[in-house]
Amino acid sequence: MKKPYVILIGSASGIGKSTIAAELAKTLNIKHLIESDFIRAVVRGIIGKEYAPALHSSSYDAYKHLRNKNRYENYDELVAAGFDEHAASVIPALEKVIQRAITDFDDIIIEGVHLVPGLINMDQFEDDANIYFFVLSSDEESHKERFVKRAVQIHRGGKQLDFFRENRIIHDHLLRQAEAHGVNIINAEAVDKTLDKILAIINKSCTTVNLINSVDELPDVIDIIIKKNNGSLEKVVYNIKGFKEPLARNINVSEVSAAEKFIKNIIENEDKKEYLTELYKLSEYRKTTICASNQEKLDKIIEELTEKGYVLNE
């Protein structure tokens, strides 16, 4: 039988994970969408406050119930440790939910702040399910704007807004954990763009084309692939004259910010631009692997690149 999908979407409060998870469930026609807050509520009903005080507090102020607070070097470490203890009480029940979905061959999406890379043992499910784990990120200004909006919507503005700093610490902690455990980090932009990035990983429609653009045309190539069509650059292979083995570079760039940083670095650094220009001359063309959220969008990227004359017609 087909392996069921298990998709986890985590982030700090106010990033937009609930909206993204709902749209993803609709797009993939997945009927089981669960918030980790509901699982936490059940666990709270079983485990009393006297046994797990961090669980019965909020994720952003659970640190207040930690013992031996002076063992942490700074406030950020203290908040992160309290958050982990809070989340860890929810994880066993969350893993049981995943196991039940797999046993019933049901696709499931779980979203919530309690999805901490490293705390959840995803290896136990790999043989029986298609596992996808995402952590959403945001710059501080955008996060604060969403955070305020969400706090007003759920009528807990005063309480929530007092703890934006703590939620930002949790945000950064989740990103570090994601990087350490190989979990996909997705920058939360507009809903459609964020959804496309996630679908590009789940559906992974990819192809390899021979690009012949110049270094000066590289910003336009990246604009077509990443900015306009929410695609990604996965790999570039240079077949250099005189060398038996090609030079392969794994890029894995899908974020606009990362692409812009790369382009800026080339434009502002003459040595790097000169090196890349020489590499382009030696290789004549680059075998470039491009991915998108579906075949239709992938075809559109290739069509636009071809129209601009960036694709080698063999």
C-alpha atoms as a PDB file:
ATOM      1  CA  MET A   1       0.000   0.000   0.000  1.00  0.00           C
ATOM      2  CA  LYS A   2       1.045   3.624  -0.549  1.00  0.00           C
ATOM      3  CA  LYS A   3       2.825   5.118   2.397  1.00  0.00           C
ATOM      4  CA  PRO A   4       0.746   7.832   4.106  1.00  0.00           C
ATOM      5  CA  TYR A   5       1.980  11.407   4.303  1.00  0.00           C
ATOM      6  CA  VAL A   6       2.994  12.756   7.708  1.00  0.00           C
ATOM      7  CA  ILE A   7       3.624  16.494   7.420  1.00  0.00           C
ATOM      8  CA  LEU A   8       4.765  18.546  10.402  1.00  0.00           C
ATOM      9  CA  ILE A   9       4.752  22.358  10.357  1.00  0.00           C
ATOM     10  CA  GLY A  10       6.301  24.065  13.341  1.00  0.00           C
ATOM     11  CA  SER A  11       7.143  27.650  14.213  1.00  0.00           C
ATOM     12  CA  ALA A  12       7.003  30.183  16.985  1.00  0.00           C
ATOM     13  CA  SER A  13       3.659  31.822  17.686  1.00  0.00           C
ATOM     14  CA  GLY A  14       2.505  34.371  15.127  1.00  0.00           C
ATOM     15  CA  ILE A  15       4.485  33.192  12.074  1.00  0.00           C
ATOM     16  CA  GLY A  16       1.459  31.896  10.152  1.00  0.00           C
ATOM     17  CA  LYS A  17       1.740  28.112  10.463  1.00  0.00           C
ATOM     18  CA  SER A  18      -2.006  27.554  11.003  1.00  0.00           C
ATOM     19  CA  THR A  19      -2.886  29.377   7.772  1.00  0.00           C
ATOM     20  CA  ILE A  20      -0.194  27.546   5.805  1.00  0.00           C
ATOM     21  CA  ALA A  21      -1.191  24.166   7.248  1.00  0.00           C
ATOM     22  CA  ALA A  22      -4.861  24.742   6.359  1.00  0.00           C
ATOM     23  CA  GLU A  23      -3.994  25.724   2.773  1.00  0.00           C
ATOM     24  CA  LEU A  24      -1.653  22.760   2.439  1.00  0.00           C
ATOM     25  CA  ALA A  25      -4.342  20.363   3.685  1.00  0.00           C
ATOM     26  CA  LYS A  26      -6.759  21.800   1.143  1.00  0.00           C
ATOM     27  CA  THR A  27      -4.252  21.581  -1.705  1.00  0.00           C
ATOM     28  CA  LEU A  28      -3.219  17.996  -0.932  1.00  0.00           C
ATOM     29  CA  ASN A  29      -6.764  16.947   0.032  1.00  0.00           C
ATOM     30  CA  ILE A  30      -5.649  15.785   3.485  1.00  0.00           C
ATOM     31  CA  LYS A  31      -8.569  15.590   5.892  1.00  0.00           C
ATOM     32  CA  HIS A  32      -6.638  15.101   9.129  1.00  0.00           C
ATOM     33  CA  LEU A  33      -5.225  18.446  10.287  1.00  0.00           C
ATOM     34  CA  ILE A  34      -4.363  18.683  13.984  1.00  0.00           C
ATOM     35  CA  GLU A  35      -3.005  21.527  16.102  1.00  0.00           C
ATOM     36  CA  SER A  36      -0.482  20.538  18.734  1.00  0.00           C
ATOM     37  CA  ASP A  37      -2.352  22.859  21.143  1.00  0.00           C
ATOM     38  CA  PHE A  38      -5.245  20.373  21.150  1.00  0.00           C
ATOM     39  CA  ILE A  39      -2.871  17.529  22.001  1.00  0.00           C
ATOM     40  CA  ARG A  40      -1.400  19.677  24.771  1.00  0.00           C
ATOM     41  CA  ALA A  41      -4.897  20.276  26.191  1.00  0.00           C
ATOM     42  CA  VAL A  42      -5.516  16.517  26.415  1.00  0.00           C
ATOM     43  CA  VAL A  43      -2.156  15.895  28.076  1.00  0.00           C
ATOM     44  CA  ARG A  44      -2.866  18.675  30.587  1.00  0.00           C
ATOM     45  CA  GLY A  45      -6.049  16.850  31.558  1.00  0.00           C
ATOM     46  CA  ILE A  46      -4.024  13.730  32.355  1.00  0.00           C
ATOM     47  CA  ILE A  47      -0.919  15.184  33.981  1.00  0.00           C
ATOM     48  CA  GLY A  48      -1.536  17.513  36.900  1.00  0.00           C
ATOM     49  CA  LYS A  49       0.052  20.923  37.335  1.00  0.00           C
ATOM     50  CA  GLU A  50       1.974  19.779  40.377  1.00  0.00           C
ATOM     51  CA  TYR A  51       3.780  17.147  38.273  1.00  0.00           C
ATOM     52  CA  ALA A  52       4.440  19.238  35.148  1.00  0.00           C
ATOM     53  CA  PRO A  53       4.169  22.971  35.910  1.00  0.00           C
ATOM     54  CA  ALA A  54       5.915  23.922  32.635  1.00  0.00           C
ATOM     55  CA  LEU A  55       3.228  22.060  30.667  1.00  0.00           C
ATOM     56  CA  HIS A  56       0.479  24.026  32.394  1.00  0.00           C
ATOM     57  CA  SER A  57       2.065  27.346  31.496  1.00  0.00           C
ATOM     58  CA  SER A  58       2.455  28.895  28.050  1.00  0.00           C
ATOM     59  CA  SER A  59       5.372  28.024  25.799  1.00  0.00           C
ATOM     60  CA  TYR A  60       6.831  31.508  26.163  1.00  0.00           C
ATOM     61  CA  ASP A  61       6.840  31.684  29.981  1.00  0.00           C
ATOM     62  CA  ALA A  62       7.416  28.040  30.898  1.00  0.00           C
ATOM     63  CA  TYR A  63      10.945  29.024  31.957  1.00  0.00           C
ATOM     64  CA  LYS A  64       9.493  30.488  35.153  1.00  0.00           C
ATOM     65  CA  HIS A  65       8.911  26.955  36.439  1.00  0.00           C
ATOM     66  CA  LEU A  66      12.403  25.613  35.789  1.00  0.00           C
ATOM     67  CA  ARG A  67      14.481  24.480  38.730  1.00  0.00           C
ATOM     68  CA  ASN A  68      18.054  25.745  39.152  1.00  0.00           C
ATOM     69  CA  LYS A  69      17.590  28.717  36.845  1.00  0.00           C
ATOM     70  CA  ASN A  70      21.089  29.935  37.640  1.00  0.00           C
ATOM     71  CA  ARG A  71      22.666  27.102  35.643  1.00  0.00           C
ATOM     72  CA  TYR A  72      21.740  28.889  32.402  1.00  0.00           C
ATOM     73  CA  GLU A  73      24.237  31.420  31.118  1.00  0.00           C
ATOM     74  CA  ASN A  74      21.718  33.978  29.847  1.00  0.00           C
ATOM     75  CA  TYR A  75      18.039  34.769  29.488  1.00  0.00           C
ATOM     76  CA  ASP A  76      17.802  33.327  25.965  1.00  0.00           C
ATOM     77  CA  GLU A  77      19.065  29.946  27.153  1.00  0.00           C
ATOM     78  CA  LEU A  78      16.624  30.028  30.067  1.00  0.00           C
ATOM     79  CA  VAL A  79      13.607  30.758  27.840  1.00  0.00           C
ATOM     80  CA  ALA A  80      14.654  28.080  25.322  1.00  0.00           C
ATOM     81  CA  ALA A  81      15.109  25.480  28.073  1.00  0.00           C
ATOM     82  CA  GLY A  82      11.673  26.247  29.530  1.00  0.00           C
ATOM     83  CA  PHE A  83      10.141  26.013  26.080  1.00  0.00           C
ATOM     84  CA  ASP A  84      11.783  22.623  25.466  1.00  0.00           C
ATOM     85  CA  GLU A  85      10.496  21.274  28.777  1.00  0.00           C
ATOM     86  CA  HIS A  86       7.008  22.545  27.932  1.00  0.00           C
ATOM     87  CA  ALA A  87       7.094  20.940  24.460  1.00  0.00           C
ATOM     88  CA  ALA A  88       8.669  17.679  25.660  1.00  0.00           C
ATOM     89  CA  SER A  89       5.566  16.891  27.733  1.00  0.00           C
ATOM     90  CA  VAL A  90       3.446  17.006  24.561  1.00  0.00           C
ATOM     91  CA  ILE A  91       5.780  14.989  22.295  1.00  0.00           C
ATOM     92  CA  PRO A  92       4.902  11.424  23.473  1.00  0.00           C
ATOM     93  CA  ALA A  93       1.182  11.983  22.820  1.00  0.00           C
ATOM     94  CA  LEU A  94       1.983  13.661  19.514  1.00  0.00           C
ATOM     95  CA  GLU A  95       4.030  10.631  18.433  1.00  0.00           C
ATOM     96  CA  LYS A  96       1.102   8.357  19.335  1.00  0.00           C
ATOM     97  CA  VAL A  97      -1.158  10.418  17.050  1.00  0.00           C
ATOM     98  CA  ILE A  98       1.338  10.015  14.210  1.00  0.00           C
ATOM     99  CA  GLN A  99       1.576   6.269  14.819  1.00  0.00           C
ATOM    100  CA  ARG A 100      -2.220   5.918  14.775  1.00  0.00           C
ATOM    101  CA  ALA A 101      -2.440   7.782  11.452  1.00  0.00           C
ATOM    102  CA  ILE A 102       0.231   5.523   9.951  1.00  0.00           C
ATOM    103  CA  THR A 103      -1.476   2.377  11.256  1.00  0.00           C
ATOM    104  CA  ASP A 104      -4.741   3.491   9.614  1.00  0.00           C
ATOM    105  CA  PHE A 105      -2.901   4.545   6.393  1.00  0.00           C
ATOM    106  CA  ASP A 106      -4.209   8.078   6.852  1.00  0.00           C
ATOM    107  CA  ASP A 107      -2.401  11.187   5.654  1.00  0.00           C
ATOM    108  CA  ILE A 108      -2.003  13.745   8.425  1.00  0.00           C
ATOM    109  CA  ILE A 109      -0.757  17.296   8.933  1.00  0.00           C
ATOM    110  CA  ILE A 110       0.209  18.444  12.419  1.00  0.00           C
ATOM    111  CA  GLU A 111       1.045  22.073  13.099  1.00  0.00           C
ATOM    112  CA  GLY A 112       2.103  23.855  16.243  1.00  0.00           C
ATOM    113  CA  VAL A 113       4.792  25.401  18.354  1.00  0.00           C
ATOM    114  CA  HIS A 114       5.500  22.067  20.080  1.00  0.00           C
ATOM    115  CA  LEU A 115       7.054  20.512  16.967  1.00  0.00           C
ATOM    116  CA  VAL A 116      10.688  20.852  17.992  1.00  0.00           C
ATOM    117  CA  PRO A 117      13.325  19.204  15.785  1.00  0.00           C
ATOM    118  CA  GLY A 118      15.382  16.855  17.901  1.00  0.00           C
ATOM    119  CA  LEU A 119      12.672  16.281  20.490  1.00  0.00           C
ATOM    120  CA  ILE A 120      10.452  14.294  18.124  1.00  0.00           C
ATOM    121  CA  ASN A 121      11.855  10.915  17.121  1.00  0.00           C
ATOM    122  CA  MET A 122      10.921  10.907  13.432  1.00  0.00           C
ATOM    123  CA  ASP A 123      13.267   8.017  12.592  1.00  0.00           C
ATOM    124  CA  GLN A 124      10.779   5.539  14.049  1.00  0.00           C
ATOM    125  CA  PHE A 125       8.265   6.409  11.295  1.00  0.00           C
ATOM    126  CA  GLU A 126      10.541   6.617   8.242  1.00  0.00           C
ATOM    127  CA  ASP A 127       9.948   3.050   6.994  1.00  0.00           C
ATOM    128  CA  ASP A 128       6.159   3.359   7.163  1.00  0.00           C
ATOM    129  CA  ALA A 129       5.379   6.931   6.067  1.00  0.00           C
ATOM    130  CA  ASN A 130       6.455   9.776   3.826  1.00  0.00           C
ATOM    131  CA  ILE A 131       7.762  12.205   6.446  1.00  0.00           C
ATOM    132  CA  TYR A 132       8.061  15.937   5.812  1.00  0.00           C
ATOM    133  CA  PHE A 133       9.097  18.318   8.574  1.00  0.00           C
ATOM    134  CA  PHE A 134       9.085  22.095   8.095  1.00  0.00           C
ATOM    135  CA  VAL A 135       9.922  24.974  10.431  1.00  0.00           C
ATOM    136  CA  LEU A 136       8.679  28.394   9.335  1.00  0.00           C
ATOM    137  CA  SER A 137      10.852  31.459   9.842  1.00  0.00           C
ATOM    138  CA  SER A 138      10.337  35.192   9.585  1.00  0.00           C
ATOM    139  CA  ASP A 139      12.350  38.377   9.976  1.00  0.00           C
ATOM    140  CA  GLU A 140      11.665  40.189  13.234  1.00  0.00           C
ATOM    141  CA  GLU A 141       9.629  43.051  11.764  1.00  0.00           C
ATOM    142  CA  SER A 142       7.276  40.758   9.815  1.00  0.00           C
ATOM    143  CA  HIS A 143       6.981  38.448  12.801  1.00  0.00           C
ATOM    144  CA  LYS A 144       5.982  41.304  15.078  1.00  0.00           C
ATOM    145  CA  GLU A 145       3.370  42.516  12.610  1.00  0.00           C
ATOM    146  CA  ARG A 146       1.804  39.040  12.348  1.00  0.00           C
ATOM    147  CA  PHE A 147       2.161  38.513  16.087  1.00  0.00           C
ATOM    148  CA  VAL A 148       0.193  41.671  16.895  1.00  0.00           C
ATOM    149  CA  LYS A 149      -2.493  40.787  14.341  1.00  0.00           C
ATOM    150  CA  ARG A 150      -2.877  37.271  15.742  1.00  0.00           C
ATOM    151  CA  ALA A 151      -2.979  38.489  19.341  1.00  0.00           C
ATOM    152  CA  VAL A 152      -5.844  40.832  18.493  1.00  0.00           C
ATOM    153  CA  GLN A 153      -7.721  38.123  16.584  1.00  0.00           C
ATOM    154  CA  ILE A 154      -7.655  35.639  19.461  1.00  0.00           C
ATOM    155  CA  HIS A 155      -8.544  38.318  22.030  1.00  0.00           C
ATOM    156  CA  ARG A 156      -5.431  37.728  24.121  1.00  0.00           C
ATOM    157  CA  GLY A 157      -3.563  40.768  22.929  1.00  0.00           C
ATOM    158  CA  GLY A 158      -2.369  42.119  26.261  1.00  0.00           C
ATOM    159  CA  LYS A 159      -0.984  38.840  27.510  1.00  0.00           C
ATOM    160  CA  GLN A 160       0.579  37.773  24.217  1.00  0.00           C
ATOM    161  CA  LEU A 161       2.143  41.090  23.248  1.00  0.00           C
ATOM    162  CA  ASP A 162       4.026  41.291  26.541  1.00  0.00           C
ATOM    163  CA  PHE A 163       5.973  38.205  25.492  1.00  0.00           C
ATOM    164  CA  PHE A 164       7.057  38.994  21.948  1.00  0.00           C
ATOM    165  CA  ARG A 165      10.717  38.916  22.968  1.00  0.00           C
ATOM    166  CA  GLU A 166      10.296  35.429  24.411  1.00  0.00           C
ATOM    167  CA  ASN A 167       8.510  34.243  21.266  1.00  0.00           C
ATOM    168  CA  ARG A 168      11.368  35.641  19.193  1.00  0.00           C
ATOM    169  CA  ILE A 169      13.832  33.649  21.315  1.00  0.00           C
ATOM    170  CA  ILE A 170      11.734  30.538  20.648  1.00  0.00           C
ATOM    171  CA  HIS A 171      11.747  31.381  16.920  1.00  0.00           C
ATOM    172  CA  ASP A 172      15.560  31.505  16.858  1.00  0.00           C
ATOM    173  CA  HIS A 173      15.830  28.357  18.977  1.00  0.00           C
ATOM    174  CA  LEU A 174      13.605  26.421  16.567  1.00  0.00           C
ATOM    175  CA  LEU A 175      15.742  27.528  13.612  1.00  0.00           C
ATOM    176  CA  ARG A 176      18.920  26.354  15.339  1.00  0.00           C
ATOM    177  CA  GLN A 177      17.310  23.005  16.096  1.00  0.00           C
ATOM    178  CA  ALA A 178      16.086  22.678  12.515  1.00  0.00           C
ATOM    179  CA  GLU A 179      19.562  23.372  11.133  1.00  0.00           C
ATOM    180  CA  ALA A 180      21.120  20.894  13.562  1.00  0.00           C
ATOM    181  CA  HIS A 181      18.714  18.100  12.607  1.00  0.00           C
ATOM    182  CA  GLY A 182      18.334  18.661   8.868  1.00  0.00           C
ATOM    183  CA  VAL A 183      14.764  19.945   9.010  1.00  0.00           C
ATOM    184  CA  ASN A 184      13.513  22.182   6.182  1.00  0.00           C
ATOM    185  CA  ILE A 185      13.415  25.879   7.084  1.00  0.00           C
ATOM    186  CA  ILE A 186      10.878  27.843   5.041  1.00  0.00           C
ATOM    187  CA  ASN A 187      10.778  31.629   5.125  1.00  0.00           C
ATOM    188  CA  ALA A 188       7.121  32.590   5.619  1.00  0.00           C
ATOM    189  CA  GLU A 189       6.235  35.159   2.972  1.00  0.00           C
ATOM    190  CA  ALA A 190       2.864  35.516   1.261  1.00  0.00           C
ATOM    191  CA  VAL A 191       0.740  32.380   1.681  1.00  0.00           C
ATOM    192  CA  ASP A 192       0.975  31.335  -1.983  1.00  0.00           C
ATOM    193  CA  LYS A 193       4.765  31.711  -2.054  1.00  0.00           C
ATOM    194  CA  THR A 194       5.238  29.811   1.201  1.00  0.00           C
ATOM    195  CA  LEU A 195       2.895  27.078   0.015  1.00  0.00           C
ATOM    196  CA  ASP A 196       4.793  26.751  -3.261  1.00  0.00           C
ATOM    197  CA  LYS A 197       8.071  26.300  -1.400  1.00  0.00           C
ATOM    198  CA  ILE A 198       6.607  23.510   0.719  1.00  0.00           C
ATOM    199  CA  LEU A 199       4.958  21.812  -2.252  1.00  0.00           C
ATOM    200  CA  ALA A 200       8.216  22.030  -4.216  1.00  0.00           C
ATOM    201  CA  ILE A 201       9.789  19.833  -1.535  1.00  0.00           C
ATOM    202  CA  ILE A 202       6.848  17.445  -1.212  1.00  0.00           C
ATOM    203  CA  ASN A 203       6.075  17.089  -4.936  1.00  0.00           C
ATOM    204  CA  LYS A 204       9.608  17.837  -6.134  1.00  0.00           C
ATOM    205  CA  SER A 205       9.060  18.370  -9.868  1.00  0.00           C
ATOM    206  CA  CYS A 206      12.610  18.787 -11.202  1.00  0.00           C
ATOM    207  CA  THR A 207      14.483  18.873 -14.464  1.00  0.00           C
ATOM    208  CA  THR A 208      18.026  19.590 -15.666  1.00  0.00           C
ATOM    209  CA  VAL A 209      18.674  22.156 -18.392  1.00  0.00           C
ATOM    210  CA  ASN A 210      21.814  23.515 -20.033  1.00  0.00           C
ATOM    211  CA  LEU A 211      22.095  27.223 -19.237  1.00  0.00           C
ATOM    212  CA  ILE A 212      24.262  29.569 -21.300  1.00  0.00           C
ATOM    213  CA  ASN A 213      23.555  32.881 -19.573  1.00  0.00           C
ATOM    214  CA  SER A 214      26.402  35.238 -18.732  1.00  0.00           C
ATOM    215  CA  VAL A 215      27.330  36.291 -15.197  1.00  0.00           C
ATOM    216  CA  ASP A 216      25.654  39.661 -15.797  1.00  0.00           C
ATOM    217  CA  GLU A 217      22.456  37.819 -16.783  1.00  0.00           C
ATOM    218  CA  LEU A 218      22.510  35.623 -13.664  1.00  0.00           C
ATOM    219  CA  PRO A 219      20.251  37.981 -11.627  1.00  0.00           C
ATOM    220  CA  ASP A 220      17.585  37.685 -14.330  1.00  0.00           C
ATOM    221  CA  VAL A 221      17.877  33.881 -14.348  1.00  0.00           C
ATOM    222  CA  ILE A 222      17.424  33.755 -10.578  1.00  0.00           C
ATOM    223  CA  ASP A 223      14.558  36.242 -10.812  1.00  0.00           C
ATOM    224  CA  ILE A 224      12.709  33.943 -13.244  1.00  0.00           C
ATOM    225  CA  ILE A 225      13.310  30.773 -11.244  1.00  0.00           C
ATOM    226  CA  ILE A 226      12.959  31.934  -7.637  1.00  0.00           C
ATOM    227  CA  LYS A 227      11.267  35.337  -7.450  1.00  0.00           C
ATOM    228  CA  LYS A 228       8.656  35.024 -10.202  1.00  0.00           C
ATOM    229  CA  ASN A 229       7.853  31.310 -10.046  1.00  0.00           C
ATOM    230  CA  ASN A 230       8.817  30.226  -6.514  1.00  0.00           C
ATOM    231  CA  GLY A 231      11.135  27.568  -7.871  1.00  0.00           C
ATOM    232  CA  SER A 232      14.519  26.494  -6.595  1.00  0.00           C
ATOM    233  CA  LEU A 233      18.057  25.986  -7.878  1.00  0.00           C
ATOM    234  CA  GLU A 234      19.246  22.598  -6.690  1.00  0.00           C
ATOM    235  CA  LYS A 235      22.509  21.806  -8.451  1.00  0.00           C
ATOM    236  CA  VAL A 236      24.930  23.170 -11.054  1.00  0.00           C
ATOM    237  CA  VAL A 237      27.446  21.009 -12.935  1.00  0.00           C
ATOM    238  CA  TYR A 238      30.310  22.601 -14.879  1.00  0.00           C
ATOM    239  CA  ASN A 239      31.871  20.476 -17.639  1.00  0.00           C
ATOM    240  CA  ILE A 240      35.265  22.166 -17.774  1.00  0.00           C
ATOM    241  CA  LYS A 241      37.489  21.741 -20.831  1.00  0.00           C
ATOM    242  CA  GLY A 242      40.537  19.599 -20.143  1.00  0.00           C
ATOM    243  CA  PHE A 243      39.100  17.979 -17.016  1.00  0.00           C
ATOM    244  CA  LYS A 244      37.802  14.402 -16.982  1.00  0.00           C
ATOM    245  CA  GLU A 245      35.492  14.939 -14.006  1.00  0.00           C
ATOM    246  CA  PRO A 246      32.910  17.771 -13.992  1.00  0.00           C
ATOM    247  CA  LEU A 247      32.748  20.313 -11.173  1.00  0.00           C
ATOM    248  CA  ALA A 248      29.456  19.855  -9.311  1.00  0.00           C
ATOM    249  CA  ARG A 249      27.934  22.357  -6.895  1.00  0.00           C
ATOM    250  CA  ASN A 250      24.922  21.559  -4.702  1.00  0.00           C
ATOM    251  CA  ILE A 251      23.157  24.903  -4.278  1.00  0.00           C
ATOM    252  CA  ASN A 252      19.682  24.196  -2.839  1.00  0.00           C
ATOM    253  CA  VAL A 253      18.535  27.824  -2.980  1.00  0.00           C
ATOM    254  CA  SER A 254      14.811  28.537  -2.861  1.00  0.00           C
ATOM    255  CA  GLU A 255      14.612  31.614  -0.654  1.00  0.00           C
ATOM    256  CA  VAL A 256      14.587  35.066  -2.260  1.00  0.00           C
ATOM    257  CA  SER A 257      16.739  36.483   0.539  1.00  0.00           C
ATOM    258  CA  ALA A 258      19.422  33.823   0.031  1.00  0.00           C
ATOM    259  CA  ALA A 259      19.393  34.369  -3.737  1.00  0.00           C
ATOM    260  CA  GLU A 260      19.670  38.153  -3.332  1.00  0.00           C
ATOM    261  CA  LYS A 261      22.560  37.728  -0.902  1.00  0.00           C
ATOM    262  CA  PHE A 262      24.368  35.493  -3.404  1.00  0.00           C
ATOM    263  CA  ILE A 263      23.886  37.971  -6.256  1.00  0.00           C
ATOM    264  CA  LYS A 264      24.929  40.937  -4.111  1.00  0.00           C
ATOM    265  CA  ASN A 265      28.061  39.092  -3.059  1.00  0.00           C
ATOM    266  CA  ILE A 266      29.049  38.559  -6.698  1.00  0.00           C
ATOM    267  CA  ILE A 267      28.247  42.099  -7.815  1.00  0.00           C
ATOM    268  CA  GLU A 268      30.136  43.742  -4.957  1.00  0.00           C
ATOM    269  CA  ASN A 269      33.131  41.389  -5.032  1.00  0.00           C
ATOM    270  CA  GLU A 270      35.166  41.835  -8.212  1.00  0.00           C
ATOM    271  CA  ASP A 271      37.347  38.798  -7.525  1.00  0.00           C
ATOM    272  CA  LYS A 272      34.353  36.477  -7.192  1.00  0.00           C
ATOM    273  CA  LYS A 273      32.715  37.925 -10.292  1.00  0.00           C
ATOM    274  CA  GLU A 274      35.932  37.469 -12.269  1.00  0.00           C
ATOM    275  CA  TYR A 275      36.299  33.882 -11.032  1.00  0.00           C
ATOM    276  CA  LEU A 276      32.712  33.017 -11.957  1.00  0.00           C
ATOM    277  CA  THR A 277      33.064  34.673 -15.367  1.00  0.00           C
ATOM    278  CA  GLU A 278      36.172  32.584 -16.092  1.00  0.00           C
ATOM    279  CA  LEU A 279      34.390  29.444 -14.920  1.00  0.00           C
ATOM    280  CA  TYR A 280      31.501  30.198 -17.286  1.00  0.00           C
ATOM    281  CA  LYS A 281      33.940  30.590 -20.191  1.00  0.00           C
ATOM    282  CA  LEU A 282      35.684  27.299 -19.431  1.00  0.00           C
ATOM    283  CA  SER A 283      32.437  25.339 -19.158  1.00  0.00           C
ATOM    284  CA  GLU A 284      30.507  26.900 -22.108  1.00  0.00           C
ATOM    285  CA  TYR A 285      27.227  25.828 -20.454  1.00  0.00           C
ATOM    286  CA  ARG A 286      26.043  24.657 -17.029  1.00  0.00           C
ATOM    287  CA  LYS A 287      23.875  21.621 -16.382  1.00  0.00           C
ATOM    288  CA  THR A 288      21.446  23.172 -13.924  1.00  0.00           C
ATOM    289  CA  THR A 289      18.855  21.273 -11.892  1.00  0.00           C
ATOM    290  CA  ILE A 290      15.713  23.329 -11.316  1.00  0.00           C
ATOM    291  CA  CYS A 291      12.715  22.337  -9.184  1.00  0.00           C
ATOM    292  CA  ALA A 292       9.192  23.700  -8.712  1.00  0.00           C
ATOM    293  CA  SER A 293       6.005  22.852  -6.827  1.00  0.00           C
ATOM    294  CA  ASN A 294       4.457  21.069  -9.829  1.00  0.00           C
ATOM    295  CA  GLN A 295       5.184  20.199 -13.447  1.00  0.00           C
ATOM    296  CA  GLU A 296       3.131  23.098 -14.793  1.00  0.00           C
ATOM    297  CA  LYS A 297       5.201  25.675 -12.916  1.00  0.00           C
ATOM    298  CA  LEU A 298       8.405  23.900 -13.857  1.00  0.00           C
ATOM    299  CA  ASP A 299       7.440  24.040 -17.528  1.00  0.00           C
ATOM    300  CA  LYS A 300       6.700  27.759 -17.157  1.00  0.00           C
ATOM    301  CA  ILE A 301      10.182  28.396 -15.720  1.00  0.00           C
ATOM    302  CA  ILE A 302      11.868  26.548 -18.579  1.00  0.00           C
ATOM    303  CA  GLU A 303       9.711  28.356 -21.124  1.00  0.00           C
ATOM    304  CA  GLU A 304      10.638  31.784 -19.736  1.00  0.00           C
ATOM    305  CA  LEU A 305      14.330  30.915 -19.568  1.00  0.00           C
ATOM    306  CA  THR A 306      14.211  29.654 -23.170  1.00  0.00           C
ATOM    307  CA  GLU A 307      12.441  32.791 -24.400  1.00  0.00           C
ATOM    308  CA  LYS A 308      15.231  34.911 -22.905  1.00  0.00           C
ATOM    309  CA  GLY A 309      17.825  32.813 -24.717  1.00  0.00           C
ATOM    310  CA  TYR A 310      19.340  31.360 -21.541  1.00  0.00           C
ATOM    311  CA  VAL A 311      18.809  27.699 -22.503  1.00  0.00           C
ATOM    312  CA  LEU A 312      21.084  25.882 -24.944  1.00  0.00           C
ATOM    313  CA  ASN A 313      19.086  24.460 -27.850  1.00  0.00           C
ATOM    314  CA  GLU A 314      20.690  21.124 -28.646  1.00  0.00           C
END
